[in-house]
Every structure is written in structure tokens, then in C-alpha cells.
Amino acid sequence: MDFWISTPYSQEPRLILVRWRAWEVQVPNYDAPTWHLAGYLAAEHCAKVSSAVAFVHPDTEEVTTKTGRTYALSGPPGVDADVAALWQAWQGQHQVVVLREVTSDVLDGRQPVAVNLIRAPS
């Protein structure tokens, strides 16, 4: 599967995700587990996996990633076939281990732990 390469967050600082879920994974390049959103971008008609979540904004139902992009979470969490396929491919591409689903943590406004890059991605 080809990955959709998004525009830099400076050009698209805010995206709206529908049919989304959130996952905690261990990425080889980070010193702690990271949270990632997987959802559907209705405006672009494609699935998207976010970079590592840095902050959950429970008052606005938005999430900001380590890259600075903000994702507005529109509607309830959900399942989408395109998102599931991209999520599966993304896991293999990045050699991650899925630890748990954190969708309810995001909905409850819980925050991910801070993470640091321990080596550059190969």
C-alpha cells in the first residue's frame, strides 16, 4: 500500500478526522510508547495516521501532535475499512508494537507521556 504523504503542518495546520480511533504503540525510535490517531479525512477522501500525539485538548475535542498539527475529532470514534488497511500497513512500515487502544483515554482528556527520539528513523 502506498502511503499518502501529507502536506507540511505549516500549510495544513488543522485537519478534521472522522471515524477515528487512537492507539498506544511502541515505536523503535522513541524512548517511551506513543499515541497515534487513525481516522478518515473526509475533505481529502483518504485515511490518515497521525504522528505522535503531544497534547489532548478535551475542551475543544482536538489533539495536537509532536509536529504541531492539530486534529479536530469530529463525531464519535468509529471503524472504517480504509483506515483499518492504512493502520495495518503503517504498523508494518514503522515496525511498531501495538500496546493498547487509547480512544477512551483521548475522549476522557487524558494525556500521553512525553516521548523523546532516541535515534533518527531509518
C-alpha atoms as a PDB file:
ATOM      1  CA  MET A   1       0.000   0.000   0.000  1.00  0.00           C
ATOM      2  CA  ASP A   2       1.266   3.452  -0.832  1.00  0.00           C
ATOM      3  CA  PHE A   3       1.211   5.977   1.976  1.00  0.00           C
ATOM      4  CA  TRP A   4      -0.412   9.312   1.454  1.00  0.00           C
ATOM      5  CA  ILE A   5       2.240  11.931   2.148  1.00  0.00           C
ATOM      6  CA  SER A   6       0.607  14.874   3.828  1.00  0.00           C
ATOM      7  CA  THR A   7       1.490  18.464   3.271  1.00  0.00           C
ATOM      8  CA  PRO A   8       3.582  20.116   5.985  1.00  0.00           C
ATOM      9  CA  TYR A   9       1.605  21.168   9.033  1.00  0.00           C
ATOM     10  CA  SER A  10       2.547  24.799   8.305  1.00  0.00           C
ATOM     11  CA  GLN A  11       0.425  24.555   5.138  1.00  0.00           C
ATOM     12  CA  GLU A  12      -2.355  22.499   6.743  1.00  0.00           C
ATOM     13  CA  PRO A  13      -2.102  23.098  10.475  1.00  0.00           C
ATOM     14  CA  ARG A  14      -5.549  21.661  11.235  1.00  0.00           C
ATOM     15  CA  LEU A  15      -7.242  18.570   9.829  1.00  0.00           C
ATOM     16  CA  ILE A  16     -10.656  17.105  10.644  1.00  0.00           C
ATOM     17  CA  LEU A  17     -10.820  13.374  11.393  1.00  0.00           C
ATOM     18  CA  VAL A  18     -13.988  11.282  11.328  1.00  0.00           C
ATOM     19  CA  ARG A  19     -14.368   7.568  12.107  1.00  0.00           C
ATOM     20  CA  TRP A  20     -11.232   7.783  14.216  1.00  0.00           C
ATOM     21  CA  ARG A  21      -9.601   5.735  16.949  1.00  0.00           C
ATOM     22  CA  ALA A  22      -6.433   6.190  18.999  1.00  0.00           C
ATOM     23  CA  TRP A  23      -3.703   3.673  19.779  1.00  0.00           C
ATOM     24  CA  GLU A  24      -0.673   3.444  22.037  1.00  0.00           C
ATOM     25  CA  VAL A  25       2.298   1.844  20.310  1.00  0.00           C
ATOM     26  CA  GLN A  26       5.967   1.272  20.925  1.00  0.00           C
ATOM     27  CA  VAL A  27       7.970   2.740  18.045  1.00  0.00           C
ATOM     28  CA  PRO A  28      11.620   1.612  17.893  1.00  0.00           C
ATOM     29  CA  ASN A  29      12.890   5.204  17.591  1.00  0.00           C
ATOM     30  CA  TYR A  30      11.235   6.547  20.759  1.00  0.00           C
ATOM     31  CA  ASP A  31      12.124   6.124  24.425  1.00  0.00           C
ATOM     32  CA  ALA A  32       8.502   5.568  25.517  1.00  0.00           C
ATOM     33  CA  PRO A  33       5.206   4.471  23.960  1.00  0.00           C
ATOM     34  CA  THR A  34       3.470   6.998  21.705  1.00  0.00           C
ATOM     35  CA  TRP A  35      -0.182   7.628  20.958  1.00  0.00           C
ATOM     36  CA  HIS A  36      -1.390   7.919  17.359  1.00  0.00           C
ATOM     37  CA  LEU A  37      -4.732   8.711  15.774  1.00  0.00           C
ATOM     38  CA  ALA A  38      -6.018   6.681  12.852  1.00  0.00           C
ATOM     39  CA  GLY A  39      -9.009   8.132  11.078  1.00  0.00           C
ATOM     40  CA  TYR A  40     -10.586   9.317   7.879  1.00  0.00           C
ATOM     41  CA  LEU A  41     -10.080  12.780   6.381  1.00  0.00           C
ATOM     42  CA  ALA A  42     -13.473  13.474   4.843  1.00  0.00           C
ATOM     43  CA  ALA A  43     -12.287  16.574   2.969  1.00  0.00           C
ATOM     44  CA  GLU A  44      -9.437  14.654   1.284  1.00  0.00           C
ATOM     45  CA  HIS A  45     -11.320  11.339   0.978  1.00  0.00           C
ATOM     46  CA  CYS A  46      -8.482   9.304   2.467  1.00  0.00           C
ATOM     47  CA  ALA A  47      -7.304   7.572   5.612  1.00  0.00           C
ATOM     48  CA  LYS A  48      -4.655   9.141   7.852  1.00  0.00           C
ATOM     49  CA  VAL A  49      -2.398   8.052  10.704  1.00  0.00           C
ATOM     50  CA  SER A  50      -1.066  10.904  12.802  1.00  0.00           C
ATOM     51  CA  SER A  51       2.401  11.445  14.115  1.00  0.00           C
ATOM     52  CA  ALA A  52       2.855  11.057  17.887  1.00  0.00           C
ATOM     53  CA  VAL A  53       0.226  12.836  19.974  1.00  0.00           C
ATOM     54  CA  ALA A  54       1.687  15.554  22.182  1.00  0.00           C
ATOM     55  CA  PHE A  55      -1.445  17.000  23.812  1.00  0.00           C
ATOM     56  CA  VAL A  56      -5.158  16.256  24.069  1.00  0.00           C
ATOM     57  CA  HIS A  57      -7.460  19.313  24.265  1.00  0.00           C
ATOM     58  CA  PRO A  58     -10.610  17.888  25.912  1.00  0.00           C
ATOM     59  CA  ASP A  59     -12.418  21.239  25.884  1.00  0.00           C
ATOM     60  CA  THR A  60     -12.246  21.537  22.091  1.00  0.00           C
ATOM     61  CA  GLU A  61     -12.095  17.827  21.143  1.00  0.00           C
ATOM     62  CA  GLU A  62      -8.805  18.411  19.377  1.00  0.00           C
ATOM     63  CA  VAL A  63      -5.417  16.729  19.545  1.00  0.00           C
ATOM     64  CA  THR A  64      -2.035  18.300  18.773  1.00  0.00           C
ATOM     65  CA  THR A  65       0.838  16.122  17.564  1.00  0.00           C
ATOM     66  CA  LYS A  66       4.580  16.487  18.087  1.00  0.00           C
ATOM     67  CA  THR A  67       4.811  18.029  14.608  1.00  0.00           C
ATOM     68  CA  GLY A  68       2.426  20.796  15.652  1.00  0.00           C
ATOM     69  CA  ARG A  69      -0.542  19.691  13.571  1.00  0.00           C
ATOM     70  CA  THR A  70      -3.970  19.814  15.198  1.00  0.00           C
ATOM     71  CA  TYR A  71      -6.608  17.188  14.521  1.00  0.00           C
ATOM     72  CA  ALA A  72     -10.236  18.070  15.200  1.00  0.00           C
ATOM     73  CA  LEU A  73     -12.074  14.905  16.198  1.00  0.00           C
ATOM     74  CA  SER A  74     -15.450  15.077  14.502  1.00  0.00           C
ATOM     75  CA  GLY A  75     -18.194  12.778  15.678  1.00  0.00           C
ATOM     76  CA  PRO A  76     -17.852   9.618  17.692  1.00  0.00           C
ATOM     77  CA  PRO A  77     -14.969   7.173  17.251  1.00  0.00           C
ATOM     78  CA  GLY A  78     -15.604   4.626  14.561  1.00  0.00           C
ATOM     79  CA  VAL A  79     -14.335   1.977  12.211  1.00  0.00           C
ATOM     80  CA  ASP A  80     -13.501   2.497   8.550  1.00  0.00           C
ATOM     81  CA  ALA A  81     -12.122  -0.112   6.128  1.00  0.00           C
ATOM     82  CA  ASP A  82      -9.651   2.330   4.517  1.00  0.00           C
ATOM     83  CA  VAL A  83      -8.406   3.436   7.929  1.00  0.00           C
ATOM     84  CA  ALA A  84      -8.001  -0.172   9.085  1.00  0.00           C
ATOM     85  CA  ALA A  85      -5.958  -1.028   5.982  1.00  0.00           C
ATOM     86  CA  LEU A  86      -3.724   2.022   6.364  1.00  0.00           C
ATOM     87  CA  TRP A  87      -3.301   1.385  10.102  1.00  0.00           C
ATOM     88  CA  GLN A  88      -2.180  -2.186   9.400  1.00  0.00           C
ATOM     89  CA  ALA A  89       0.280  -1.062   6.723  1.00  0.00           C
ATOM     90  CA  TRP A  90       1.584   1.795   8.920  1.00  0.00           C
ATOM     91  CA  GLN A  91       2.337  -0.672  11.734  1.00  0.00           C
ATOM     92  CA  GLY A  92       4.463  -2.793   9.426  1.00  0.00           C
ATOM     93  CA  GLN A  93       6.192   0.174   7.828  1.00  0.00           C
ATOM     94  CA  HIS A  94       7.224   1.605  11.215  1.00  0.00           C
ATOM     95  CA  GLN A  95       7.832  -1.733  12.967  1.00  0.00           C
ATOM     96  CA  VAL A  96       5.599  -0.807  15.884  1.00  0.00           C
ATOM     97  CA  VAL A  97       4.111  -2.982  18.573  1.00  0.00           C
ATOM     98  CA  VAL A  98       0.518  -2.052  19.410  1.00  0.00           C
ATOM     99  CA  LEU A  99       0.161  -1.932  23.188  1.00  0.00           C
ATOM    100  CA  ARG A 100      -3.467  -0.888  23.634  1.00  0.00           C
ATOM    101  CA  GLU A 101      -6.313   1.190  22.285  1.00  0.00           C
ATOM    102  CA  VAL A 102      -6.433   4.641  23.927  1.00  0.00           C
ATOM    103  CA  THR A 103      -9.569   6.045  22.293  1.00  0.00           C
ATOM    104  CA  SER A 104     -11.362   6.287  25.648  1.00  0.00           C
ATOM    105  CA  ASP A 105      -8.285   7.986  27.156  1.00  0.00           C
ATOM    106  CA  VAL A 106      -8.451  10.664  24.453  1.00  0.00           C
ATOM    107  CA  LEU A 107     -12.196  11.109  24.983  1.00  0.00           C
ATOM    108  CA  ASP A 108     -11.592  11.457  28.732  1.00  0.00           C
ATOM    109  CA  GLY A 109      -8.910  14.114  28.155  1.00  0.00           C
ATOM    110  CA  ARG A 110      -6.027  12.021  29.448  1.00  0.00           C
ATOM    111  CA  GLN A 111      -2.569  12.979  28.221  1.00  0.00           C
ATOM    112  CA  PRO A 112       0.119  10.770  26.670  1.00  0.00           C
ATOM    113  CA  VAL A 113       3.513  10.556  28.326  1.00  0.00           C
ATOM    114  CA  ALA A 114       6.233  12.776  26.904  1.00  0.00           C
ATOM    115  CA  VAL A 115       8.498  10.962  24.452  1.00  0.00           C
ATOM    116  CA  ASN A 116      11.903  11.672  23.008  1.00  0.00           C
ATOM    117  CA  LEU A 117      13.501  10.489  19.812  1.00  0.00           C
ATOM    118  CA  ILE A 118      16.398   8.181  20.688  1.00  0.00           C
ATOM    119  CA  ARG A 119      17.609   7.709  17.120  1.00  0.00           C
ATOM    120  CA  ALA A 120      16.692   9.072  13.723  1.00  0.00           C
ATOM    121  CA  PRO A 121      14.259   6.956  11.691  1.00  0.00           C
ATOM    122  CA  SER A 122      15.984   4.772   9.115  1.00  0.00           C
END
